[in-house]
Amino acid sequence: MTSASRLPLFLTVQRHYFETSSSADQLSVHPFRQQLQEARDQGLPVILVQWDGGLFPDTPETFSRGWVLHPDIRAEEGDLLVRASSTDPFAGQLPEGDITLAQHLQGLDCRELDVLALPGSPELAAAQEYAAQYGLTLHLAPVSTAQTADQGTGPGTDSGAAS
């Protein structure tokens, strides 16, 4: 395995995050696509989390249309697609074998993740809560919702450690 000390983690990339009925909370897919492409251009493995239904409020039913990844953010060869069947995304199994995301990151000697997620989402809060248990530091990358895009401002970058 190669060493990668800091990787991108995409927490809210399922279709329903981008197609929500609440326009104020609707994510813009552009920053996600941009970060995805930049990571792939650098040869970094991209981590995409797909949450099972019922884990958080408003999470769509597993295998429904809203549960699938947004078509503009599809998993490609070299990406790590994690199916989270609990609120701990790092305990999610990788499809390639009997290994969790946390074990895979440890094998890569990865201790920091650049996180893209809907600000204030329960998925982000859960990732922040569990990250410390695995010795991981999360750096929040700015993303915009329809509301912040209309105002011309996006949320700031929070580069603090998860606690």
N, C-alpha and C. Protein backbone atom coordinates (compact mmCIF):
# COMPACT_ATOMS: atom_id res chain seq x y z
N MET A 1 0.83 -1.19 0.00
CA MET A 1 0.00 0.00 0.00
C MET A 1 0.88 1.25 0.00
N THR A 2 0.40 2.25 -0.69
CA THR A 2 1.12 3.52 -0.69
C THR A 2 0.69 4.36 0.50
N SER A 3 1.51 5.32 0.85
CA SER A 3 1.19 6.21 1.97
C SER A 3 0.49 7.46 1.44
N ALA A 4 -0.59 7.81 2.07
CA ALA A 4 -1.31 9.04 1.74
C ALA A 4 -1.73 9.66 3.06
N SER A 5 -1.09 10.74 3.44
CA SER A 5 -1.34 11.29 4.77
C SER A 5 -2.63 12.11 4.86
N ARG A 6 -3.16 12.58 3.72
CA ARG A 6 -4.37 13.41 3.75
C ARG A 6 -5.19 13.11 2.49
N LEU A 7 -6.42 12.64 2.70
CA LEU A 7 -7.28 12.25 1.59
C LEU A 7 -8.62 12.98 1.65
N PRO A 8 -9.31 13.09 0.50
CA PRO A 8 -10.63 13.71 0.49
C PRO A 8 -11.72 12.71 0.88
N LEU A 9 -12.64 13.16 1.74
CA LEU A 9 -13.77 12.36 2.21
C LEU A 9 -15.05 13.11 1.86
N PHE A 10 -15.88 12.50 1.05
CA PHE A 10 -17.14 13.09 0.62
C PHE A 10 -18.27 12.41 1.39
N LEU A 11 -18.92 13.16 2.29
CA LEU A 11 -19.93 12.58 3.18
C LEU A 11 -21.36 12.69 2.66
N THR A 12 -21.68 13.73 1.92
CA THR A 12 -23.06 13.94 1.49
C THR A 12 -23.11 14.00 -0.03
N VAL A 13 -22.98 12.84 -0.67
CA VAL A 13 -22.92 12.78 -2.14
C VAL A 13 -24.04 11.94 -2.75
N GLN A 14 -25.00 11.56 -1.93
CA GLN A 14 -26.13 10.82 -2.48
C GLN A 14 -27.10 11.80 -3.14
N ARG A 15 -27.85 11.29 -4.06
CA ARG A 15 -28.74 12.12 -4.90
C ARG A 15 -29.64 13.04 -4.08
N HIS A 16 -30.19 12.57 -2.96
CA HIS A 16 -31.17 13.38 -2.23
C HIS A 16 -30.58 14.66 -1.65
N TYR A 17 -29.28 14.71 -1.42
CA TYR A 17 -28.67 15.94 -0.89
C TYR A 17 -28.71 17.08 -1.92
N PHE A 18 -28.71 16.72 -3.18
CA PHE A 18 -28.69 17.72 -4.25
C PHE A 18 -30.08 17.98 -4.83
N GLU A 19 -31.03 17.13 -4.52
CA GLU A 19 -32.37 17.25 -5.09
C GLU A 19 -33.42 17.41 -4.01
N THR A 20 -33.04 17.98 -2.89
CA THR A 20 -33.97 18.17 -1.78
C THR A 20 -35.03 19.19 -2.15
N SER A 21 -36.18 19.10 -1.52
CA SER A 21 -37.26 20.05 -1.83
C SER A 21 -37.01 21.42 -1.20
N SER A 22 -36.15 21.48 -0.18
CA SER A 22 -35.84 22.75 0.47
C SER A 22 -34.70 23.44 -0.27
N SER A 23 -35.01 24.46 -1.05
CA SER A 23 -33.98 25.11 -1.87
C SER A 23 -32.90 25.77 -1.02
N ALA A 24 -33.22 26.17 0.21
CA ALA A 24 -32.22 26.81 1.06
C ALA A 24 -31.13 25.84 1.48
N ASP A 25 -31.49 24.56 1.61
CA ASP A 25 -30.53 23.55 2.04
C ASP A 25 -29.94 22.77 0.88
N GLN A 26 -30.38 23.02 -0.32
CA GLN A 26 -29.93 22.25 -1.46
C GLN A 26 -28.46 22.54 -1.76
N LEU A 27 -27.68 21.49 -1.88
CA LEU A 27 -26.26 21.64 -2.18
C LEU A 27 -26.03 21.98 -3.63
N SER A 28 -24.96 22.70 -3.87
CA SER A 28 -24.48 22.91 -5.23
C SER A 28 -23.52 21.77 -5.54
N VAL A 29 -23.72 21.10 -6.65
CA VAL A 29 -22.88 19.96 -7.00
C VAL A 29 -21.50 20.42 -7.49
N HIS A 30 -21.39 21.68 -7.91
CA HIS A 30 -20.14 22.18 -8.50
C HIS A 30 -18.92 22.02 -7.59
N PRO A 31 -18.94 22.46 -6.32
CA PRO A 31 -17.72 22.30 -5.51
C PRO A 31 -17.36 20.83 -5.28
N PHE A 32 -18.34 19.96 -5.26
CA PHE A 32 -18.07 18.54 -5.09
C PHE A 32 -17.37 17.99 -6.34
N ARG A 33 -17.90 18.33 -7.51
CA ARG A 33 -17.27 17.87 -8.76
C ARG A 33 -15.86 18.42 -8.89
N GLN A 34 -15.68 19.69 -8.52
CA GLN A 34 -14.37 20.33 -8.62
C GLN A 34 -13.36 19.64 -7.70
N GLN A 35 -13.72 19.43 -6.44
CA GLN A 35 -12.82 18.76 -5.49
C GLN A 35 -12.54 17.33 -5.92
N LEU A 36 -13.55 16.67 -6.43
CA LEU A 36 -13.40 15.30 -6.91
C LEU A 36 -12.38 15.24 -8.04
N GLN A 37 -12.51 16.14 -9.00
CA GLN A 37 -11.59 16.15 -10.13
C GLN A 37 -10.17 16.50 -9.70
N GLU A 38 -10.03 17.48 -8.80
CA GLU A 38 -8.70 17.86 -8.32
C GLU A 38 -8.01 16.69 -7.62
N ALA A 39 -8.75 15.97 -6.80
CA ALA A 39 -8.18 14.81 -6.10
C ALA A 39 -7.76 13.73 -7.10
N ARG A 40 -8.62 13.46 -8.06
CA ARG A 40 -8.30 12.44 -9.06
C ARG A 40 -7.11 12.86 -9.91
N ASP A 41 -7.03 14.15 -10.25
CA ASP A 41 -5.89 14.65 -11.02
C ASP A 41 -4.58 14.47 -10.27
N GLN A 42 -4.65 14.51 -8.92
CA GLN A 42 -3.46 14.32 -8.09
C GLN A 42 -3.19 12.84 -7.82
N GLY A 43 -4.05 11.97 -8.32
CA GLY A 43 -3.87 10.54 -8.11
C GLY A 43 -4.28 10.06 -6.73
N LEU A 44 -5.08 10.87 -6.02
CA LEU A 44 -5.51 10.49 -4.67
C LEU A 44 -6.75 9.60 -4.73
N PRO A 45 -6.82 8.61 -3.86
CA PRO A 45 -8.07 7.85 -3.78
C PRO A 45 -9.14 8.71 -3.12
N VAL A 46 -10.29 8.78 -3.72
CA VAL A 46 -11.41 9.57 -3.22
C VAL A 46 -12.31 8.66 -2.40
N ILE A 47 -12.73 9.12 -1.23
CA ILE A 47 -13.61 8.33 -0.37
C ILE A 47 -15.02 8.88 -0.48
N LEU A 48 -15.94 8.04 -0.93
CA LEU A 48 -17.35 8.41 -1.08
C LEU A 48 -18.18 7.57 -0.12
N VAL A 49 -18.93 8.22 0.76
CA VAL A 49 -19.73 7.49 1.74
C VAL A 49 -21.19 7.46 1.27
N GLN A 50 -21.74 6.26 1.27
CA GLN A 50 -23.14 6.05 0.92
C GLN A 50 -23.84 5.51 2.17
N TRP A 51 -24.69 6.34 2.75
CA TRP A 51 -25.35 6.03 4.02
C TRP A 51 -26.61 5.22 3.79
N ASP A 52 -26.81 4.16 4.57
CA ASP A 52 -28.04 3.38 4.49
C ASP A 52 -29.21 4.19 5.04
N GLY A 53 -30.39 3.86 4.58
CA GLY A 53 -31.59 4.56 5.02
C GLY A 53 -31.89 4.35 6.49
N GLY A 54 -32.53 5.36 7.09
CA GLY A 54 -32.96 5.27 8.47
C GLY A 54 -31.92 5.63 9.51
N LEU A 55 -30.70 5.94 9.09
CA LEU A 55 -29.65 6.28 10.06
C LEU A 55 -29.79 7.70 10.59
N PHE A 56 -30.27 8.59 9.75
CA PHE A 56 -30.40 10.00 10.10
C PHE A 56 -31.77 10.49 9.62
N PRO A 57 -32.26 11.60 10.18
CA PRO A 57 -33.52 12.15 9.68
C PRO A 57 -33.38 12.49 8.18
N ASP A 58 -34.42 12.23 7.45
CA ASP A 58 -34.49 12.56 6.02
C ASP A 58 -33.57 11.71 5.15
N THR A 59 -32.94 10.67 5.71
CA THR A 59 -32.13 9.78 4.87
C THR A 59 -33.09 8.90 4.07
N PRO A 60 -32.92 8.85 2.76
CA PRO A 60 -33.85 8.06 1.95
C PRO A 60 -33.69 6.56 2.21
N GLU A 61 -34.70 5.84 1.85
CA GLU A 61 -34.70 4.39 2.00
C GLU A 61 -33.55 3.78 1.18
N THR A 62 -32.90 2.79 1.75
CA THR A 62 -31.81 2.10 1.07
C THR A 62 -32.31 1.56 -0.27
N PHE A 63 -31.51 1.77 -1.30
CA PHE A 63 -31.76 1.35 -2.69
C PHE A 63 -32.82 2.18 -3.41
N SER A 64 -33.31 3.24 -2.79
CA SER A 64 -34.26 4.12 -3.47
C SER A 64 -33.50 5.07 -4.40
N ARG A 65 -34.23 5.84 -5.18
CA ARG A 65 -33.60 6.78 -6.11
C ARG A 65 -32.72 7.79 -5.38
N GLY A 66 -33.17 8.31 -4.24
CA GLY A 66 -32.41 9.29 -3.48
C GLY A 66 -31.19 8.71 -2.78
N TRP A 67 -31.15 7.40 -2.61
CA TRP A 67 -30.05 6.74 -1.90
C TRP A 67 -28.79 6.63 -2.77
N VAL A 68 -28.96 6.52 -4.08
CA VAL A 68 -27.81 6.33 -4.96
C VAL A 68 -26.95 7.59 -5.01
N LEU A 69 -25.70 7.43 -5.41
CA LEU A 69 -24.81 8.58 -5.56
C LEU A 69 -25.34 9.49 -6.66
N HIS A 70 -25.11 10.79 -6.50
CA HIS A 70 -25.49 11.74 -7.54
C HIS A 70 -24.76 11.35 -8.82
N PRO A 71 -25.42 11.41 -9.98
CA PRO A 71 -24.78 10.97 -11.22
C PRO A 71 -23.52 11.75 -11.59
N ASP A 72 -23.39 12.99 -11.13
CA ASP A 72 -22.18 13.76 -11.41
C ASP A 72 -21.05 13.42 -10.44
N ILE A 73 -21.34 12.59 -9.45
CA ILE A 73 -20.33 12.22 -8.45
C ILE A 73 -20.30 10.70 -8.36
N ARG A 74 -20.03 10.07 -9.44
CA ARG A 74 -20.01 8.61 -9.46
C ARG A 74 -18.64 8.09 -9.02
N ALA A 75 -18.64 6.90 -8.49
CA ALA A 75 -17.39 6.26 -8.10
C ALA A 75 -16.67 5.77 -9.36
N GLU A 76 -15.38 6.00 -9.39
CA GLU A 76 -14.55 5.54 -10.51
C GLU A 76 -13.46 4.62 -9.98
N GLU A 77 -12.77 3.97 -10.89
CA GLU A 77 -11.68 3.08 -10.49
C GLU A 77 -10.68 3.85 -9.63
N GLY A 78 -10.29 3.24 -8.52
CA GLY A 78 -9.36 3.88 -7.60
C GLY A 78 -10.04 4.59 -6.45
N ASP A 79 -11.35 4.86 -6.57
CA ASP A 79 -12.10 5.49 -5.48
C ASP A 79 -12.46 4.44 -4.44
N LEU A 80 -12.73 4.91 -3.23
CA LEU A 80 -13.18 4.04 -2.15
C LEU A 80 -14.64 4.34 -1.88
N LEU A 81 -15.52 3.45 -2.27
CA LEU A 81 -16.95 3.61 -2.02
C LEU A 81 -17.28 2.85 -0.74
N VAL A 82 -17.71 3.59 0.27
CA VAL A 82 -17.99 3.01 1.58
C VAL A 82 -19.49 3.01 1.82
N ARG A 83 -20.02 1.85 2.12
CA ARG A 83 -21.43 1.76 2.47
C ARG A 83 -21.52 1.79 3.99
N ALA A 84 -22.08 2.87 4.50
CA ALA A 84 -22.20 3.05 5.95
C ALA A 84 -23.54 2.51 6.42
N SER A 85 -23.49 1.42 7.16
CA SER A 85 -24.71 0.82 7.69
C SER A 85 -24.92 1.18 9.16
N SER A 86 -24.05 2.05 9.68
CA SER A 86 -24.21 2.61 11.02
C SER A 86 -23.85 4.09 10.93
N THR A 87 -24.00 4.82 12.02
CA THR A 87 -23.68 6.24 11.99
C THR A 87 -22.18 6.50 12.03
N ASP A 88 -21.37 5.46 12.14
CA ASP A 88 -19.91 5.58 12.11
C ASP A 88 -19.42 5.27 10.70
N PRO A 89 -19.08 6.31 9.92
CA PRO A 89 -18.65 6.05 8.54
C PRO A 89 -17.33 5.29 8.46
N PHE A 90 -16.53 5.38 9.49
CA PHE A 90 -15.22 4.73 9.47
C PHE A 90 -15.32 3.23 9.75
N ALA A 91 -16.48 2.78 10.25
CA ALA A 91 -16.72 1.36 10.47
C ALA A 91 -17.35 0.72 9.24
N GLY A 92 -17.63 1.55 8.22
CA GLY A 92 -18.22 1.05 6.99
C GLY A 92 -17.27 0.13 6.25
N GLN A 93 -17.82 -0.91 5.64
CA GLN A 93 -17.03 -1.90 4.92
C GLN A 93 -16.73 -1.43 3.50
N LEU A 94 -15.52 -1.73 3.05
CA LEU A 94 -15.16 -1.48 1.66
C LEU A 94 -15.59 -2.69 0.85
N PRO A 95 -16.05 -2.49 -0.37
CA PRO A 95 -16.55 -3.61 -1.17
C PRO A 95 -15.45 -4.60 -1.59
N GLU A 96 -14.20 -4.18 -1.55
CA GLU A 96 -13.11 -5.04 -2.03
C GLU A 96 -12.75 -6.16 -1.06
N GLY A 97 -13.25 -6.11 0.14
CA GLY A 97 -12.86 -7.17 1.07
C GLY A 97 -13.43 -6.95 2.44
N ASP A 98 -12.91 -7.71 3.36
CA ASP A 98 -13.39 -7.68 4.73
C ASP A 98 -12.60 -6.68 5.54
N ILE A 99 -12.68 -5.41 5.16
CA ILE A 99 -11.91 -4.37 5.83
C ILE A 99 -12.77 -3.12 5.95
N THR A 100 -12.62 -2.42 7.06
CA THR A 100 -13.37 -1.19 7.26
C THR A 100 -12.59 -0.01 6.69
N LEU A 101 -13.27 1.11 6.56
CA LEU A 101 -12.60 2.32 6.10
C LEU A 101 -11.50 2.71 7.08
N ALA A 102 -11.75 2.60 8.38
CA ALA A 102 -10.74 2.95 9.39
C ALA A 102 -9.49 2.09 9.23
N GLN A 103 -9.66 0.80 9.01
CA GLN A 103 -8.51 -0.10 8.82
C GLN A 103 -7.75 0.25 7.55
N HIS A 104 -8.48 0.58 6.50
CA HIS A 104 -7.84 0.95 5.24
C HIS A 104 -7.03 2.23 5.40
N LEU A 105 -7.61 3.23 6.05
CA LEU A 105 -6.89 4.49 6.28
C LEU A 105 -5.64 4.26 7.12
N GLN A 106 -5.75 3.41 8.12
CA GLN A 106 -4.59 3.09 8.96
C GLN A 106 -3.50 2.43 8.12
N GLY A 107 -3.88 1.55 7.22
CA GLY A 107 -2.91 0.90 6.33
C GLY A 107 -2.23 1.88 5.39
N LEU A 108 -2.92 2.96 5.05
CA LEU A 108 -2.34 4.00 4.19
C LEU A 108 -1.55 5.02 4.99
N ASP A 109 -1.56 4.90 6.31
CA ASP A 109 -0.96 5.88 7.22
C ASP A 109 -1.61 7.25 7.03
N CYS A 110 -2.91 7.24 6.80
CA CYS A 110 -3.68 8.47 6.61
C CYS A 110 -4.28 8.89 7.94
N ARG A 111 -3.97 10.10 8.35
CA ARG A 111 -4.46 10.60 9.63
C ARG A 111 -5.32 11.86 9.48
N GLU A 112 -5.39 12.40 8.26
CA GLU A 112 -6.15 13.62 8.02
C GLU A 112 -7.03 13.45 6.79
N LEU A 113 -8.23 14.03 6.88
CA LEU A 113 -9.18 13.96 5.78
C LEU A 113 -9.74 15.34 5.49
N ASP A 114 -9.82 15.68 4.21
CA ASP A 114 -10.49 16.90 3.77
C ASP A 114 -11.94 16.53 3.51
N VAL A 115 -12.84 17.06 4.31
CA VAL A 115 -14.24 16.64 4.29
C VAL A 115 -15.11 17.61 3.50
N LEU A 116 -15.90 17.07 2.60
CA LEU A 116 -16.93 17.83 1.91
C LEU A 116 -18.27 17.26 2.34
N ALA A 117 -19.10 18.12 2.92
CA ALA A 117 -20.41 17.69 3.41
C ALA A 117 -21.31 18.90 3.56
N LEU A 118 -22.60 18.63 3.58
CA LEU A 118 -23.57 19.68 3.83
C LEU A 118 -23.31 20.25 5.22
N PRO A 119 -23.07 21.56 5.33
CA PRO A 119 -22.81 22.15 6.65
C PRO A 119 -23.96 21.87 7.61
N GLY A 120 -23.63 21.48 8.82
CA GLY A 120 -24.64 21.22 9.83
C GLY A 120 -25.38 19.91 9.68
N SER A 121 -24.98 19.07 8.74
CA SER A 121 -25.69 17.81 8.53
C SER A 121 -25.38 16.82 9.65
N PRO A 122 -26.32 15.93 9.96
CA PRO A 122 -26.05 14.92 10.99
C PRO A 122 -24.94 13.96 10.56
N GLU A 123 -24.76 13.77 9.26
CA GLU A 123 -23.69 12.91 8.77
C GLU A 123 -22.32 13.52 9.09
N LEU A 124 -22.21 14.82 8.92
CA LEU A 124 -20.96 15.51 9.26
C LEU A 124 -20.70 15.43 10.76
N ALA A 125 -21.73 15.68 11.57
CA ALA A 125 -21.58 15.60 13.02
C ALA A 125 -21.14 14.21 13.45
N ALA A 126 -21.71 13.18 12.84
CA ALA A 126 -21.33 11.81 13.17
C ALA A 126 -19.87 11.54 12.81
N ALA A 127 -19.46 11.99 11.63
CA ALA A 127 -18.06 11.78 11.21
C ALA A 127 -17.11 12.49 12.16
N GLN A 128 -17.47 13.70 12.57
CA GLN A 128 -16.62 14.43 13.51
C GLN A 128 -16.54 13.71 14.85
N GLU A 129 -17.65 13.17 15.29
CA GLU A 129 -17.68 12.46 16.57
C GLU A 129 -16.78 11.22 16.54
N TYR A 130 -16.86 10.45 15.48
CA TYR A 130 -16.12 9.19 15.41
C TYR A 130 -14.66 9.37 15.00
N ALA A 131 -14.33 10.42 14.29
CA ALA A 131 -12.96 10.62 13.79
C ALA A 131 -11.93 10.55 14.90
N ALA A 132 -12.20 11.20 16.00
CA ALA A 132 -11.24 11.23 17.11
C ALA A 132 -10.96 9.83 17.64
N GLN A 133 -11.95 8.96 17.62
CA GLN A 133 -11.76 7.60 18.10
C GLN A 133 -10.75 6.83 17.26
N TYR A 134 -10.58 7.25 16.03
CA TYR A 134 -9.64 6.59 15.12
C TYR A 134 -8.36 7.39 14.93
N GLY A 135 -8.20 8.46 15.70
CA GLY A 135 -7.00 9.29 15.59
C GLY A 135 -6.95 10.11 14.31
N LEU A 136 -8.12 10.45 13.77
CA LEU A 136 -8.20 11.20 12.52
C LEU A 136 -8.52 12.66 12.78
N THR A 137 -7.95 13.53 11.97
CA THR A 137 -8.25 14.95 11.99
C THR A 137 -9.04 15.28 10.73
N LEU A 138 -10.16 15.96 10.90
CA LEU A 138 -10.98 16.35 9.77
C LEU A 138 -10.81 17.83 9.49
N HIS A 139 -10.63 18.16 8.22
CA HIS A 139 -10.55 19.55 7.76
C HIS A 139 -11.77 19.78 6.87
N LEU A 140 -12.61 20.72 7.25
CA LEU A 140 -13.84 20.96 6.50
C LEU A 140 -13.58 21.87 5.32
N ALA A 141 -13.87 21.37 4.14
CA ALA A 141 -13.74 22.17 2.92
C ALA A 141 -15.04 22.94 2.72
N PRO A 142 -14.96 24.17 2.23
CA PRO A 142 -16.19 24.95 2.04
C PRO A 142 -17.04 24.38 0.90
N VAL A 143 -18.33 24.30 1.16
CA VAL A 143 -19.30 23.94 0.12
C VAL A 143 -20.42 24.96 0.19
N SER A 144 -21.15 25.10 -0.88
CA SER A 144 -22.22 26.10 -0.87
C SER A 144 -23.56 25.43 -1.07
N THR A 145 -24.57 26.00 -0.42
CA THR A 145 -25.94 25.60 -0.65
C THR A 145 -26.55 26.61 -1.60
N ALA A 146 -27.74 26.34 -2.06
CA ALA A 146 -28.42 27.29 -2.95
C ALA A 146 -28.56 28.65 -2.27
N GLN A 147 -28.81 28.64 -0.97
CA GLN A 147 -28.98 29.89 -0.22
C GLN A 147 -27.68 30.69 -0.19
N THR A 148 -26.54 30.06 0.13
CA THR A 148 -25.29 30.81 0.20
C THR A 148 -24.81 31.20 -1.19
N ALA A 149 -25.14 30.41 -2.19
CA ALA A 149 -24.76 30.78 -3.55
C ALA A 149 -25.52 32.02 -4.00
N ASP A 150 -26.82 32.10 -3.61
CA ASP A 150 -27.61 33.27 -3.96
C ASP A 150 -27.10 34.53 -3.27
N GLN A 151 -26.56 34.37 -2.07
CA GLN A 151 -26.04 35.50 -1.32
C GLN A 151 -24.63 35.87 -1.76
N GLY A 152 -24.01 35.00 -2.54
CA GLY A 152 -22.65 35.28 -3.01
C GLY A 152 -21.58 34.96 -1.98
N THR A 153 -21.96 34.29 -0.91
CA THR A 153 -20.98 33.90 0.09
C THR A 153 -21.15 32.44 0.42
N GLY A 154 -20.04 31.79 0.70
CA GLY A 154 -20.08 30.40 1.11
C GLY A 154 -19.63 30.28 2.53
N PRO A 155 -19.86 29.15 3.15
CA PRO A 155 -19.39 28.96 4.51
C PRO A 155 -17.88 28.96 4.56
N GLY A 156 -17.33 29.38 5.66
CA GLY A 156 -15.88 29.43 5.82
C GLY A 156 -15.28 28.06 6.00
N THR A 157 -13.99 27.99 5.89
CA THR A 157 -13.28 26.75 6.09
C THR A 157 -12.99 26.58 7.56
N ASP A 158 -13.29 25.42 8.07
CA ASP A 158 -13.00 25.09 9.45
C ASP A 158 -11.93 24.02 9.43
N SER A 159 -10.74 24.38 9.83
CA SER A 159 -9.63 23.44 9.75
C SER A 159 -9.29 22.84 11.10
N GLY A 160 -10.23 22.83 12.00
CA GLY A 160 -9.96 22.30 13.33
C GLY A 160 -10.05 20.80 13.37
N ALA A 161 -9.46 20.22 14.41
CA ALA A 161 -9.54 18.79 14.61
C ALA A 161 -10.92 18.42 15.11
N ALA A 162 -11.35 17.26 14.74
CA ALA A 162 -12.62 16.78 15.24
C ALA A 162 -12.47 16.39 16.70
N SER A 163 -13.52 16.61 17.45
CA SER A 163 -13.45 16.21 18.86
C SER A 163 -14.66 15.42 19.26
